[in-house]
Amino acid sequence: MSDQEKYNRIFEANNKWIEKNKIDNPGLFKLLAADQHPDFLYIGCSDSRVHPNQVMGLKPGEVFIHRNIANMVIATDLSALSVINYGVEYLKVKFIIVCGHYGCGGIEAAMKKSDYGILNPWLRSIRDVYHLHKEELAAINDIGARHRRLVELNTYEQCRNIIKMGEVQKSYYEKGYPKVAGWVFDIKDAQLHDLYFDMDGELDKIKEIYDITGNTED
């Protein structure tokens, strides 16, 4: 099959999907055209093997999605920060989920002593996580196991980055949401693993420095 044929098949598949949903979900398109009211904001990796809706078993309109290399939430990334702000302030999402995955190419690249050109600044944020947990990671001799652990640690650290945001803190203190969760998806068996991010405990840990809503008790 040629590249052009692969391209054309997308539109054929789209038409089939439309016709199928007209039968199976007759009100779907009217519902989607009206507005979106997702309870979940999903921040995941751009990896083509991980599809949020399929992984979560959710329908179109049920999850607001942002993806980048290695599911990062960086303080200077206006794209990710804007998505979170919109999700919290306007969509009123109840959960913000950071989902990493085993076998992540971004994590693997950050573990190597290589020059990746324009990717270097992005990978540096992952390497900062590596440096933060270098003693634990250095104690893991198996490279595969070390990679898996860095995937978990990186996901957890991105959850920490989210709770440092003012709009997240303000909404959580006032309304009880959004709650932040960290997951890891295992590509080999399609299993989701909950990292049990302790939002209340982590907020207490960072309160002295990162609380910007006036809730710090001295």
Foldseek 3Di string as FASTA:
>chain_A
DDPVVVVVVVVVVVVVVVVVCCVVPVCVVVVVVVDAQAQEEEQEEPDPLDDVCVLVVHDPRHYHYDYYQLRADDPPPVVNVVSVCCCCVPNVHQEYEYEYEQPRPLLVVLVDPDDPDPCVVVSVVLVVLCVVCVVVLVVDPDPSVSSVVSSQSRQLVRLLVVCLDASQVVCCVVPVDNHYWYWYAYSVVSDIDTPPRPSVVSCVVCVVPRHPPPPDDD
